[in-house]
Amino acid sequence: MTTADLHDDVRDPELPGRLLAVERDTLIPLLRGRPDTDFALPAAACPGWSVRHVLAHCSAALMRVVENRFEKDVFSPEANERDIAERAGWTNARVVDELERGMTEAGAVIAESGGPLDMIALGEWVHAGDVRDAFGEPGAYGGDGLPDALTLLARVCRERKHVPLHADLDDVDEPLRLGDRNGERPPARFLGGSATLVRLYAGRSPTGAPYELVGVAEKELNLFR
């Protein structure tokens, strides 16, 4: 796999929407082909949530973006649970329909936001991986959206002045630099696959995939804690 310049500091306003659209075109057909019983499967990456809970959370978050509904505690654990509860009486098909709409329409709003909402697209992509993982699908945190996800991950880590890390990825031609670049802390080093790197930054288990991580603890990489 090759990627665009992952070290580019210039924000691409179309990238979050592109990431959502690519994921939509993969995830929605997968969901529509699954029986209702699969929506009750536990999502291991989100303790206490089923696949349906994850999807309801994702669709609600995207529709908040589309409709510009951001209450004071939006995206807090309590708000997320309320969003899920509001959809408790919906059919699984209706949840998927809302998710498809959100993944289609949110990109333009995120693009115009100037950057503050970009992380939502990355979170949605990670949650799609959570769903595929729950289904036992191969390459849960990979696929066609991975290059854009890595680019967005690198920029978010830099903007948040996250712990510096130099990643030599098995499936990407160029090293990926993530995190703060002020030089106050020497960069940690990662060697392994892109999907494993995503799992670590998302606080997901690497599930036995081989990798090396030196100079930083796994929990320090988690962007979603």
Protein backbone atom coordinates (compact mmCIF):
# COMPACT_ATOMS: atom_id res chain seq x y z
CA MET A 1 0.00 0.00 0.00
CA THR A 2 1.18 3.50 -0.78
CA THR A 3 -0.16 6.71 0.68
CA ALA A 4 -0.14 10.41 0.00
CA ASP A 5 2.34 12.53 1.93
CA LEU A 6 1.45 11.64 5.51
CA HIS A 7 3.69 14.42 6.83
CA ASP A 8 1.75 17.23 5.16
CA ASP A 9 0.59 19.75 7.76
CA VAL A 10 -1.98 21.35 5.47
CA ARG A 11 -5.56 20.32 6.26
CA ASP A 12 -7.45 18.69 3.42
CA PRO A 13 -11.06 19.71 4.17
CA GLU A 14 -12.41 16.96 1.93
CA LEU A 15 -10.53 14.14 3.66
CA PRO A 16 -12.98 13.46 6.53
CA GLY A 17 -15.93 13.28 4.15
CA ARG A 18 -13.97 11.07 1.78
CA LEU A 19 -13.11 8.73 4.66
CA LEU A 20 -16.77 8.53 5.65
CA ALA A 21 -17.91 7.91 2.07
CA VAL A 22 -15.39 5.13 1.48
CA GLU A 23 -16.40 3.47 4.73
CA ARG A 24 -20.10 3.90 3.94
CA ASP A 25 -19.72 2.07 0.65
CA THR A 26 -18.15 -0.89 2.45
CA LEU A 27 -20.00 -0.97 5.76
CA ILE A 28 -23.61 -0.34 4.74
CA PRO A 29 -23.86 -3.29 2.30
CA LEU A 30 -22.25 -5.49 4.95
CA LEU A 31 -24.85 -4.43 7.52
CA ARG A 32 -27.78 -4.87 5.14
CA GLY A 33 -26.66 -8.44 4.48
CA ARG A 34 -26.57 -9.42 8.16
CA PRO A 35 -29.44 -11.02 10.08
CA ASP A 36 -30.94 -9.14 13.02
CA THR A 37 -29.29 -11.56 15.44
CA ASP A 38 -25.85 -10.25 14.44
CA PHE A 39 -26.75 -6.76 15.64
CA ALA A 40 -26.98 -8.16 19.17
CA LEU A 41 -23.40 -9.45 19.09
CA PRO A 42 -21.15 -7.85 21.73
CA ALA A 43 -18.70 -5.23 20.52
CA ALA A 44 -15.56 -6.21 22.39
CA ALA A 45 -13.93 -2.82 21.80
CA CYS A 46 -16.83 -1.05 23.55
CA PRO A 47 -17.57 -2.91 26.79
CA GLY A 48 -21.28 -3.14 27.52
CA TRP A 49 -22.31 -2.27 23.98
CA SER A 50 -23.61 -4.50 21.24
CA VAL A 51 -23.08 -3.94 17.52
CA ARG A 52 -26.44 -2.16 17.46
CA HIS A 53 -25.36 0.18 20.27
CA VAL A 54 -22.23 1.12 18.33
CA LEU A 55 -24.22 1.77 15.16
CA ALA A 56 -26.86 3.81 16.98
CA HIS A 57 -24.13 5.91 18.60
CA CYS A 58 -22.44 6.45 15.23
CA SER A 59 -25.62 7.41 13.41
CA ALA A 60 -26.65 9.78 16.21
CA ALA A 61 -23.25 11.48 16.28
CA LEU A 62 -23.28 12.06 12.53
CA MET A 63 -26.82 13.41 12.54
CA ARG A 64 -25.84 15.85 15.29
CA VAL A 65 -23.16 17.12 12.91
CA VAL A 66 -25.58 17.31 9.98
CA GLU A 67 -28.23 19.12 12.04
CA ASN A 68 -25.78 21.23 14.07
CA ARG A 69 -27.07 19.91 17.41
CA PHE A 70 -24.36 20.20 20.02
CA GLU A 71 -25.61 20.35 23.58
CA LYS A 72 -23.29 21.21 26.45
CA ASP A 73 -22.46 17.59 27.25
CA VAL A 74 -22.55 16.31 23.68
CA PHE A 75 -20.49 13.14 23.07
CA SER A 76 -20.09 12.54 26.80
CA PRO A 77 -20.79 8.96 27.95
CA GLU A 78 -24.13 10.12 29.33
CA ALA A 79 -25.13 11.84 26.09
CA ASN A 80 -24.08 8.81 24.08
CA GLU A 81 -26.28 6.56 26.20
CA ARG A 82 -29.22 8.94 25.72
CA ASP A 83 -28.75 8.88 21.95
CA ILE A 84 -28.75 5.08 21.99
CA ALA A 85 -31.82 4.97 24.22
CA GLU A 86 -33.71 7.30 21.89
CA ARG A 87 -33.29 4.71 19.14
CA ALA A 88 -34.21 1.70 21.26
CA GLY A 89 -37.58 1.30 19.52
CA TRP A 90 -36.15 1.54 16.02
CA THR A 91 -35.65 -1.42 13.74
CA ASN A 92 -32.08 -2.32 12.87
CA ALA A 93 -32.83 -1.30 9.29
CA ARG A 94 -33.84 2.19 10.41
CA VAL A 95 -30.61 2.60 12.37
CA VAL A 96 -28.64 1.57 9.29
CA ASP A 97 -30.65 3.99 7.12
CA GLU A 98 -29.81 6.87 9.48
CA LEU A 99 -26.17 5.84 9.55
CA GLU A 100 -26.03 5.82 5.76
CA ARG A 101 -27.55 9.29 5.63
CA GLY A 102 -25.11 10.60 8.23
CA MET A 103 -22.09 9.14 6.45
CA THR A 104 -23.31 10.75 3.23
CA GLU A 105 -24.19 14.23 4.50
CA ALA A 106 -21.79 14.90 7.37
CA GLY A 107 -18.68 15.25 5.20
CA ALA A 108 -19.66 18.64 3.76
CA VAL A 109 -20.44 20.01 7.22
CA ILE A 110 -17.14 18.73 8.63
CA ALA A 111 -15.27 20.27 5.70
CA GLU A 112 -16.77 23.69 6.41
CA SER A 113 -16.07 23.48 10.14
CA GLY A 114 -12.40 24.29 9.67
CA GLY A 115 -11.07 21.27 11.56
CA PRO A 116 -12.76 20.92 14.98
CA LEU A 117 -15.08 18.16 13.74
CA ASP A 118 -12.47 16.16 11.81
CA MET A 119 -11.92 13.79 14.74
CA ILE A 120 -15.53 12.64 14.44
CA ALA A 121 -14.82 11.12 11.03
CA LEU A 122 -11.83 9.25 12.45
CA GLY A 123 -13.93 8.00 15.35
CA GLU A 124 -16.65 6.79 12.99
CA TRP A 125 -14.08 4.92 10.93
CA VAL A 126 -12.69 3.27 14.05
CA HIS A 127 -16.18 2.25 15.17
CA ALA A 128 -16.79 0.71 11.76
CA GLY A 129 -13.71 -1.37 12.50
CA ASP A 130 -15.23 -2.31 15.86
CA VAL A 131 -18.30 -3.61 14.05
CA ARG A 132 -16.32 -5.59 11.51
CA ASP A 133 -14.23 -6.99 14.36
CA ALA A 134 -17.40 -8.10 16.17
CA PHE A 135 -18.55 -9.84 12.99
CA GLY A 136 -15.19 -11.60 12.62
CA GLU A 137 -14.51 -9.85 9.32
CA PRO A 138 -10.85 -9.84 8.20
CA GLY A 139 -8.96 -6.54 8.12
CA ALA A 140 -11.29 -4.88 10.61
CA TYR A 141 -9.27 -1.68 10.93
CA GLY A 142 -7.99 -1.55 7.38
CA GLY A 143 -9.47 -1.42 3.93
CA ASP A 144 -9.65 1.32 1.32
CA GLY A 145 -10.04 4.07 3.92
CA LEU A 146 -6.81 3.27 5.74
CA PRO A 147 -4.54 5.77 3.91
CA ASP A 148 -6.90 8.65 4.66
CA ALA A 149 -7.35 7.41 8.23
CA LEU A 150 -3.58 7.42 8.78
CA THR A 151 -3.27 10.91 7.33
CA LEU A 152 -6.03 12.17 9.62
CA LEU A 153 -4.56 10.32 12.60
CA ALA A 154 -1.18 11.95 12.04
CA ARG A 155 -2.67 15.43 11.85
CA VAL A 156 -4.87 14.98 14.92
CA CYS A 157 -1.91 13.70 16.93
CA ARG A 158 0.18 16.69 15.87
CA GLU A 159 -2.53 19.24 16.63
CA ARG A 160 -3.15 17.71 20.05
CA LYS A 161 0.59 17.66 20.78
CA HIS A 162 0.29 13.96 21.48
CA VAL A 163 3.32 11.88 22.46
CA PRO A 164 5.83 11.89 19.55
CA LEU A 165 6.20 8.61 17.71
CA HIS A 166 8.07 7.41 14.62
CA ALA A 167 6.22 4.52 12.97
CA ASP A 168 7.87 2.19 10.47
CA LEU A 169 4.85 0.47 8.97
CA ASP A 170 5.04 -2.88 7.24
CA ASP A 171 2.47 -1.89 4.62
CA VAL A 172 3.32 1.78 3.97
CA ASP A 173 6.31 2.92 1.92
CA GLU A 174 7.30 5.91 4.06
CA PRO A 175 7.70 6.22 7.85
CA LEU A 176 4.87 7.98 9.63
CA ARG A 177 5.61 10.69 12.19
CA LEU A 178 2.95 11.31 14.78
CA GLY A 179 2.58 13.63 17.75
CA ASP A 180 4.35 16.71 19.03
CA ARG A 181 7.41 17.86 17.12
CA ASN A 182 8.85 20.38 19.60
CA GLY A 183 11.81 18.10 20.35
CA GLU A 184 11.30 18.12 24.11
CA ARG A 185 10.72 14.38 24.15
CA PRO A 186 12.54 11.95 21.86
CA PRO A 187 10.08 10.13 19.64
CA ALA A 188 9.01 6.65 20.60
CA ARG A 189 9.24 4.00 17.92
CA PHE A 190 6.70 1.60 16.45
CA LEU A 191 7.36 -1.24 14.06
CA GLY A 192 4.43 -3.25 12.73
CA GLY A 193 1.29 -3.08 10.64
CA SER A 194 -0.92 -0.05 10.06
CA ALA A 195 -4.03 -1.72 11.45
CA THR A 196 -2.17 -2.54 14.65
CA LEU A 197 -1.05 1.07 14.97
CA VAL A 198 -4.66 2.21 14.55
CA ARG A 199 -5.78 -0.24 17.22
CA LEU A 200 -3.25 1.15 19.68
CA TYR A 201 -4.21 4.78 19.06
CA ALA A 202 -7.90 3.84 19.36
CA GLY A 203 -7.36 1.93 22.60
CA ARG A 204 -8.24 -1.38 20.98
CA SER A 205 -6.48 -4.67 21.63
CA PRO A 206 -3.81 -5.53 19.04
CA THR A 207 -5.14 -9.12 19.22
CA GLY A 208 -1.77 -10.82 19.10
CA ALA A 209 -0.49 -9.10 15.97
CA PRO A 210 3.32 -8.84 16.01
CA TYR A 211 4.71 -5.36 16.63
CA GLU A 212 7.42 -3.49 18.51
CA LEU A 213 6.77 -0.41 20.61
CA VAL A 214 9.68 1.32 22.33
CA GLY A 215 9.76 4.48 24.40
CA VAL A 216 6.06 4.76 25.22
CA ALA A 217 3.41 2.68 26.98
CA GLU A 218 0.44 1.46 24.95
CA LYS A 219 -2.01 3.40 27.12
CA GLU A 220 -0.21 6.69 26.35
CA LEU A 221 -1.09 6.35 22.68
CA ASN A 222 -4.85 6.11 23.23
CA LEU A 223 -6.54 9.16 21.69
CA PHE A 224 -10.04 8.22 22.80
CA ARG A 225 -9.61 7.74 26.54
